[in-house]
Amino acid sequence: VDQSRQAALPSWFKGALGIHGAMMLVMGASLFVWPDAAGAVWPWKLTTLTGRAVGAWLLGIGLAAAQVTIENDWRRLVPIFAAYPVLGALQLVALARYGQEVSWGTASAAIYLLFWLSVLAVGLYGWRHSRTAISHDL
């Protein structure tokens, strides 16, 4: 039996994760179903196969972000918040490593960068507060 929710997430935090999830689900579904059309707004060139792979990846992570808003309890979400800031950090490392492939003068590149910076920030906040919630239970 699931324990009752005792450490609810702040509404602004759930909203941020909801926006992350929605953006990943929409872009993921678009890339998966229409990889060539959706890939045209991506900040670098994607092949059809790569577009579908990125789409599937975004769908999975988007579903996890959306699930967080349903679970709504710091204690239930420790594994997610251990991974979420790592995800944001690794995306930023990839941008730094392969930055020459990015069309930096486009709005999509700015949105991409800001999105992953927000994932890192939200993830770090979530990681800190989920660990605090667990330590209060001990």
N, C-alpha and C. Protein backbone atom coordinates (compact mmCIF):
# COMPACT_ATOMS: atom_id res chain seq x y z
N VAL A 1 0.85 -1.18 0.00
CA VAL A 1 0.00 0.00 0.00
C VAL A 1 0.88 1.24 0.00
N ASP A 2 0.56 2.18 -0.85
CA ASP A 2 1.30 3.44 -0.88
C ASP A 2 1.05 4.22 0.39
N GLN A 3 2.12 4.83 0.91
CA GLN A 3 1.97 5.71 2.06
C GLN A 3 1.24 6.97 1.62
N SER A 4 0.58 7.61 2.57
CA SER A 4 -0.12 8.85 2.25
C SER A 4 0.91 9.94 1.95
N ARG A 5 0.49 10.91 1.16
CA ARG A 5 1.37 12.03 0.83
C ARG A 5 1.45 12.95 2.03
N GLN A 6 2.67 13.18 2.51
CA GLN A 6 2.84 14.02 3.69
C GLN A 6 3.75 15.21 3.44
N ALA A 7 4.47 15.23 2.38
CA ALA A 7 5.41 16.31 2.09
C ALA A 7 5.17 16.80 0.67
N ALA A 8 4.09 17.57 0.48
CA ALA A 8 3.69 18.02 -0.85
C ALA A 8 4.69 19.01 -1.44
N LEU A 9 4.78 18.99 -2.75
CA LEU A 9 5.65 19.92 -3.47
C LEU A 9 4.99 21.30 -3.52
N PRO A 10 5.78 22.36 -3.52
CA PRO A 10 5.20 23.69 -3.70
C PRO A 10 4.57 23.82 -5.08
N SER A 11 3.51 24.60 -5.18
CA SER A 11 2.79 24.70 -6.45
C SER A 11 3.66 25.28 -7.57
N TRP A 12 4.54 26.23 -7.27
CA TRP A 12 5.40 26.78 -8.32
C TRP A 12 6.33 25.72 -8.87
N PHE A 13 6.78 24.81 -7.99
CA PHE A 13 7.70 23.76 -8.38
C PHE A 13 6.98 22.73 -9.25
N LYS A 14 5.77 22.35 -8.84
CA LYS A 14 4.98 21.43 -9.66
C LYS A 14 4.69 22.06 -11.02
N GLY A 15 4.43 23.36 -11.02
CA GLY A 15 4.17 24.06 -12.28
C GLY A 15 5.38 24.02 -13.21
N ALA A 16 6.57 24.25 -12.65
CA ALA A 16 7.79 24.20 -13.46
C ALA A 16 7.99 22.81 -14.05
N LEU A 17 7.79 21.78 -13.23
CA LEU A 17 7.94 20.41 -13.73
C LEU A 17 6.86 20.07 -14.74
N GLY A 18 5.66 20.59 -14.52
CA GLY A 18 4.58 20.38 -15.49
C GLY A 18 4.91 21.00 -16.84
N ILE A 19 5.48 22.20 -16.81
CA ILE A 19 5.89 22.87 -18.06
C ILE A 19 7.01 22.07 -18.73
N HIS A 20 7.99 21.64 -17.95
CA HIS A 20 9.06 20.81 -18.52
C HIS A 20 8.47 19.57 -19.18
N GLY A 21 7.60 18.87 -18.43
CA GLY A 21 7.00 17.65 -18.96
C GLY A 21 6.21 17.90 -20.23
N ALA A 22 5.40 18.96 -20.22
CA ALA A 22 4.58 19.26 -21.40
C ALA A 22 5.45 19.59 -22.61
N MET A 23 6.50 20.39 -22.39
CA MET A 23 7.38 20.74 -23.51
C MET A 23 8.08 19.50 -24.06
N MET A 24 8.55 18.62 -23.17
CA MET A 24 9.23 17.42 -23.64
C MET A 24 8.25 16.48 -24.34
N LEU A 25 7.03 16.36 -23.83
CA LEU A 25 6.05 15.47 -24.46
C LEU A 25 5.65 15.98 -25.83
N VAL A 26 5.41 17.27 -25.95
CA VAL A 26 5.01 17.83 -27.26
C VAL A 26 6.14 17.71 -28.27
N MET A 27 7.33 18.12 -27.87
CA MET A 27 8.46 18.04 -28.81
C MET A 27 8.83 16.59 -29.11
N GLY A 28 8.78 15.74 -28.07
CA GLY A 28 9.09 14.33 -28.27
C GLY A 28 8.12 13.65 -29.22
N ALA A 29 6.84 13.89 -29.03
CA ALA A 29 5.83 13.29 -29.92
C ALA A 29 5.98 13.83 -31.34
N SER A 30 6.25 15.13 -31.46
CA SER A 30 6.43 15.72 -32.79
C SER A 30 7.63 15.12 -33.50
N LEU A 31 8.74 15.01 -32.79
CA LEU A 31 9.93 14.42 -33.41
C LEU A 31 9.74 12.95 -33.74
N PHE A 32 9.01 12.25 -32.91
CA PHE A 32 8.80 10.82 -33.15
C PHE A 32 7.89 10.59 -34.35
N VAL A 33 6.82 11.36 -34.46
CA VAL A 33 5.84 11.15 -35.52
C VAL A 33 6.24 11.86 -36.82
N TRP A 34 6.72 13.10 -36.71
CA TRP A 34 7.10 13.90 -37.88
C TRP A 34 8.54 14.37 -37.73
N PRO A 35 9.51 13.47 -37.78
CA PRO A 35 10.89 13.86 -37.47
C PRO A 35 11.48 14.92 -38.40
N ASP A 36 11.10 14.90 -39.65
CA ASP A 36 11.68 15.88 -40.58
C ASP A 36 11.09 17.27 -40.36
N ALA A 37 9.78 17.35 -40.19
CA ALA A 37 9.13 18.65 -39.97
C ALA A 37 9.51 19.23 -38.61
N ALA A 38 9.44 18.42 -37.56
CA ALA A 38 9.77 18.90 -36.22
C ALA A 38 11.27 19.16 -36.09
N GLY A 39 12.08 18.40 -36.79
CA GLY A 39 13.51 18.60 -36.74
C GLY A 39 13.95 19.93 -37.33
N ALA A 40 13.09 20.55 -38.12
CA ALA A 40 13.42 21.86 -38.71
C ALA A 40 13.52 22.95 -37.65
N VAL A 41 12.88 22.77 -36.50
CA VAL A 41 12.97 23.77 -35.43
C VAL A 41 14.00 23.38 -34.37
N TRP A 42 14.66 22.27 -34.55
CA TRP A 42 15.70 21.83 -33.61
C TRP A 42 16.94 22.71 -33.82
N PRO A 43 17.73 22.97 -32.77
CA PRO A 43 18.86 23.90 -32.93
C PRO A 43 20.05 23.35 -33.73
N TRP A 44 20.00 22.11 -34.13
CA TRP A 44 21.01 21.56 -35.03
C TRP A 44 20.34 20.54 -35.93
N LYS A 45 21.02 20.14 -36.98
CA LYS A 45 20.43 19.23 -37.96
C LYS A 45 20.27 17.83 -37.38
N LEU A 46 19.08 17.27 -37.57
CA LEU A 46 18.79 15.89 -37.15
C LEU A 46 18.42 15.08 -38.38
N THR A 47 18.91 13.86 -38.45
CA THR A 47 18.43 12.95 -39.48
C THR A 47 17.07 12.42 -39.04
N THR A 48 16.37 11.75 -39.92
CA THR A 48 15.07 11.19 -39.57
C THR A 48 15.19 10.21 -38.41
N LEU A 49 16.17 9.33 -38.48
CA LEU A 49 16.35 8.35 -37.41
C LEU A 49 16.74 9.02 -36.09
N THR A 50 17.65 9.98 -36.15
CA THR A 50 18.07 10.69 -34.94
C THR A 50 16.90 11.47 -34.35
N GLY A 51 16.10 12.09 -35.20
CA GLY A 51 14.92 12.81 -34.72
C GLY A 51 13.97 11.90 -33.97
N ARG A 52 13.74 10.70 -34.50
CA ARG A 52 12.86 9.75 -33.81
C ARG A 52 13.48 9.27 -32.51
N ALA A 53 14.78 9.05 -32.48
CA ALA A 53 15.45 8.63 -31.25
C ALA A 53 15.36 9.72 -30.18
N VAL A 54 15.62 10.95 -30.57
CA VAL A 54 15.51 12.07 -29.62
C VAL A 54 14.06 12.21 -29.17
N GLY A 55 13.12 12.02 -30.09
CA GLY A 55 11.71 12.09 -29.74
C GLY A 55 11.32 11.04 -28.71
N ALA A 56 11.77 9.82 -28.90
CA ALA A 56 11.46 8.75 -27.93
C ALA A 56 12.07 9.06 -26.57
N TRP A 57 13.29 9.57 -26.58
CA TRP A 57 13.98 9.93 -25.34
C TRP A 57 13.22 11.04 -24.62
N LEU A 58 12.79 12.07 -25.36
CA LEU A 58 12.04 13.16 -24.75
C LEU A 58 10.68 12.69 -24.22
N LEU A 59 10.04 11.77 -24.92
CA LEU A 59 8.77 11.23 -24.43
C LEU A 59 8.93 10.54 -23.09
N GLY A 60 9.98 9.74 -22.96
CA GLY A 60 10.21 9.04 -21.70
C GLY A 60 10.49 9.98 -20.55
N ILE A 61 11.35 10.96 -20.77
CA ILE A 61 11.68 11.90 -19.70
C ILE A 61 10.50 12.82 -19.43
N GLY A 62 9.77 13.19 -20.45
CA GLY A 62 8.58 14.03 -20.26
C GLY A 62 7.52 13.33 -19.43
N LEU A 63 7.35 12.03 -19.66
CA LEU A 63 6.40 11.27 -18.84
C LEU A 63 6.84 11.23 -17.38
N ALA A 64 8.13 11.08 -17.15
CA ALA A 64 8.65 11.08 -15.77
C ALA A 64 8.41 12.43 -15.11
N ALA A 65 8.65 13.52 -15.83
CA ALA A 65 8.42 14.86 -15.27
C ALA A 65 6.94 15.06 -14.97
N ALA A 66 6.07 14.58 -15.85
CA ALA A 66 4.63 14.70 -15.60
C ALA A 66 4.21 13.85 -14.41
N GLN A 67 4.81 12.69 -14.24
CA GLN A 67 4.48 11.81 -13.12
C GLN A 67 4.80 12.47 -11.78
N VAL A 68 5.83 13.28 -11.76
CA VAL A 68 6.20 13.99 -10.53
C VAL A 68 5.03 14.83 -10.02
N THR A 69 4.34 15.50 -10.94
CA THR A 69 3.22 16.34 -10.53
C THR A 69 2.06 15.51 -9.97
N ILE A 70 1.95 14.27 -10.39
CA ILE A 70 0.90 13.38 -9.89
C ILE A 70 1.29 12.83 -8.52
N GLU A 71 2.54 12.41 -8.37
CA GLU A 71 3.00 11.85 -7.09
C GLU A 71 2.95 12.89 -5.98
N ASN A 72 3.45 14.09 -6.24
CA ASN A 72 3.33 15.23 -5.34
C ASN A 72 3.76 14.93 -3.90
N ASP A 73 4.89 14.29 -3.73
CA ASP A 73 5.42 14.05 -2.39
C ASP A 73 6.94 13.95 -2.49
N TRP A 74 7.64 14.81 -1.75
CA TRP A 74 9.10 14.81 -1.80
C TRP A 74 9.68 13.43 -1.55
N ARG A 75 9.14 12.69 -0.61
CA ARG A 75 9.72 11.41 -0.23
C ARG A 75 9.59 10.36 -1.33
N ARG A 76 8.57 10.45 -2.13
CA ARG A 76 8.37 9.48 -3.21
C ARG A 76 9.26 9.76 -4.42
N LEU A 77 9.85 10.93 -4.47
CA LEU A 77 10.51 11.39 -5.68
C LEU A 77 12.02 11.51 -5.60
N VAL A 78 12.61 10.95 -4.57
CA VAL A 78 14.06 11.04 -4.39
C VAL A 78 14.81 10.53 -5.62
N PRO A 79 14.47 9.38 -6.21
CA PRO A 79 15.24 8.90 -7.38
C PRO A 79 15.13 9.85 -8.58
N ILE A 80 13.96 10.42 -8.79
CA ILE A 80 13.79 11.36 -9.91
C ILE A 80 14.69 12.57 -9.70
N PHE A 81 14.70 13.09 -8.47
CA PHE A 81 15.48 14.30 -8.21
C PHE A 81 16.96 14.02 -8.07
N ALA A 82 17.36 12.78 -7.98
CA ALA A 82 18.78 12.45 -8.07
C ALA A 82 19.22 12.49 -9.53
N ALA A 83 18.31 12.16 -10.44
CA ALA A 83 18.65 12.09 -11.87
C ALA A 83 18.41 13.40 -12.61
N TYR A 84 17.41 14.17 -12.22
CA TYR A 84 17.00 15.35 -12.98
C TYR A 84 18.12 16.39 -13.11
N PRO A 85 18.84 16.75 -12.05
CA PRO A 85 19.92 17.73 -12.24
C PRO A 85 21.07 17.16 -13.07
N VAL A 86 21.30 15.86 -12.99
CA VAL A 86 22.35 15.24 -13.81
C VAL A 86 21.97 15.34 -15.28
N LEU A 87 20.71 15.12 -15.58
CA LEU A 87 20.22 15.25 -16.95
C LEU A 87 20.48 16.65 -17.48
N GLY A 88 20.11 17.67 -16.70
CA GLY A 88 20.35 19.05 -17.13
C GLY A 88 21.83 19.34 -17.31
N ALA A 89 22.65 18.89 -16.37
CA ALA A 89 24.09 19.14 -16.45
C ALA A 89 24.70 18.46 -17.67
N LEU A 90 24.29 17.21 -17.95
CA LEU A 90 24.85 16.50 -19.10
C LEU A 90 24.43 17.14 -20.42
N GLN A 91 23.24 17.67 -20.48
CA GLN A 91 22.82 18.38 -21.70
C GLN A 91 23.69 19.62 -21.92
N LEU A 92 24.01 20.32 -20.83
CA LEU A 92 24.86 21.50 -20.95
C LEU A 92 26.30 21.12 -21.33
N VAL A 93 26.78 20.00 -20.81
CA VAL A 93 28.10 19.50 -21.20
C VAL A 93 28.10 19.17 -22.70
N ALA A 94 27.04 18.53 -23.16
CA ALA A 94 26.95 18.19 -24.59
C ALA A 94 26.93 19.46 -25.44
N LEU A 95 26.22 20.48 -24.98
CA LEU A 95 26.21 21.75 -25.72
C LEU A 95 27.61 22.36 -25.77
N ALA A 96 28.31 22.31 -24.66
CA ALA A 96 29.66 22.86 -24.63
C ALA A 96 30.59 22.05 -25.55
N ARG A 97 30.45 20.75 -25.52
CA ARG A 97 31.33 19.87 -26.31
C ARG A 97 31.05 19.97 -27.81
N TYR A 98 29.77 20.03 -28.17
CA TYR A 98 29.38 20.02 -29.59
C TYR A 98 28.74 21.34 -30.02
N GLY A 99 29.12 22.42 -29.36
CA GLY A 99 28.54 23.73 -29.64
C GLY A 99 28.69 24.19 -31.07
N GLN A 100 29.71 23.72 -31.76
CA GLN A 100 29.90 24.13 -33.16
C GLN A 100 28.79 23.61 -34.06
N GLU A 101 28.05 22.60 -33.62
CA GLU A 101 26.96 22.03 -34.42
C GLU A 101 25.65 22.82 -34.25
N VAL A 102 25.59 23.66 -33.23
CA VAL A 102 24.36 24.39 -32.88
C VAL A 102 24.27 25.68 -33.69
N SER A 103 23.08 25.98 -34.17
CA SER A 103 22.81 27.25 -34.86
C SER A 103 22.50 28.30 -33.79
N TRP A 104 23.55 28.90 -33.23
CA TRP A 104 23.40 29.77 -32.06
C TRP A 104 22.60 31.03 -32.32
N GLY A 105 22.47 31.46 -33.53
CA GLY A 105 21.73 32.68 -33.82
C GLY A 105 20.23 32.50 -33.90
N THR A 106 19.74 31.31 -33.59
CA THR A 106 18.31 31.04 -33.73
C THR A 106 17.60 31.06 -32.37
N ALA A 107 16.31 31.29 -32.43
CA ALA A 107 15.51 31.25 -31.21
C ALA A 107 15.49 29.85 -30.60
N SER A 108 15.51 28.83 -31.44
CA SER A 108 15.46 27.46 -30.92
C SER A 108 16.69 27.14 -30.08
N ALA A 109 17.85 27.68 -30.45
CA ALA A 109 19.07 27.45 -29.66
C ALA A 109 18.96 28.13 -28.30
N ALA A 110 18.43 29.34 -28.26
CA ALA A 110 18.25 30.06 -27.00
C ALA A 110 17.24 29.33 -26.11
N ILE A 111 16.15 28.88 -26.69
CA ILE A 111 15.14 28.14 -25.94
C ILE A 111 15.73 26.85 -25.40
N TYR A 112 16.48 26.15 -26.22
CA TYR A 112 17.10 24.89 -25.81
C TYR A 112 18.03 25.12 -24.62
N LEU A 113 18.89 26.12 -24.71
CA LEU A 113 19.82 26.43 -23.63
C LEU A 113 19.08 26.82 -22.35
N LEU A 114 18.11 27.71 -22.45
CA LEU A 114 17.34 28.12 -21.27
C LEU A 114 16.55 26.96 -20.67
N PHE A 115 16.03 26.10 -21.52
CA PHE A 115 15.28 24.95 -21.02
C PHE A 115 16.16 24.06 -20.16
N TRP A 116 17.36 23.71 -20.65
CA TRP A 116 18.23 22.81 -19.90
C TRP A 116 18.84 23.49 -18.67
N LEU A 117 19.03 24.80 -18.72
CA LEU A 117 19.45 25.52 -17.51
C LEU A 117 18.34 25.44 -16.45
N SER A 118 17.09 25.55 -16.88
CA SER A 118 15.98 25.46 -15.92
C SER A 118 15.83 24.04 -15.39
N VAL A 119 16.09 23.03 -16.22
CA VAL A 119 16.05 21.65 -15.73
C VAL A 119 17.12 21.45 -14.66
N LEU A 120 18.31 21.98 -14.89
CA LEU A 120 19.37 21.88 -13.89
C LEU A 120 18.97 22.58 -12.59
N ALA A 121 18.45 23.80 -12.70
CA ALA A 121 18.07 24.56 -11.49
C ALA A 121 16.94 23.88 -10.74
N VAL A 122 15.89 23.47 -11.43
CA VAL A 122 14.77 22.79 -10.79
C VAL A 122 15.23 21.46 -10.21
N GLY A 123 16.08 20.76 -10.93
CA GLY A 123 16.59 19.48 -10.45
C GLY A 123 17.41 19.63 -9.18
N LEU A 124 18.27 20.64 -9.13
CA LEU A 124 19.08 20.86 -7.92
C LEU A 124 18.19 21.22 -6.73
N TYR A 125 17.20 22.05 -6.95
CA TYR A 125 16.25 22.39 -5.89
C TYR A 125 15.52 21.13 -5.41
N GLY A 126 15.04 20.34 -6.36
CA GLY A 126 14.34 19.10 -6.02
C GLY A 126 15.21 18.12 -5.28
N TRP A 127 16.46 17.98 -5.72
CA TRP A 127 17.38 17.05 -5.07
C TRP A 127 17.61 17.47 -3.62
N ARG A 128 17.84 18.74 -3.41
CA ARG A 128 18.10 19.24 -2.05
C ARG A 128 16.89 19.03 -1.15
N HIS A 129 15.71 19.38 -1.63
CA HIS A 129 14.52 19.31 -0.79
C HIS A 129 14.00 17.88 -0.61
N SER A 130 14.21 17.02 -1.58
CA SER A 130 13.78 15.62 -1.40
C SER A 130 14.67 14.95 -0.36
N ARG A 131 15.95 15.26 -0.38
CA ARG A 131 16.85 14.68 0.64
C ARG A 131 16.51 15.21 2.03
N THR A 132 16.13 16.48 2.12
CA THR A 132 15.72 17.05 3.41
C THR A 132 14.46 16.36 3.93
N ALA A 133 13.51 16.09 3.05
CA ALA A 133 12.28 15.42 3.46
C ALA A 133 12.57 14.02 3.99
N ILE A 134 13.48 13.30 3.34
CA ILE A 134 13.85 11.96 3.79
C ILE A 134 14.55 12.03 5.13
N SER A 135 15.46 12.98 5.31
CA SER A 135 16.20 13.06 6.58
C SER A 135 15.29 13.39 7.75
N HIS A 136 14.19 14.11 7.49
CA HIS A 136 13.24 14.40 8.57
C HIS A 136 12.46 13.16 8.98
N ASP A 137 12.37 12.17 8.08
CA ASP A 137 11.65 10.92 8.39
C ASP A 137 12.50 9.97 9.21
N LEU A 138 13.82 10.13 9.16
CA LEU A 138 14.71 9.19 9.85
C LEU A 138 14.72 9.36 11.32
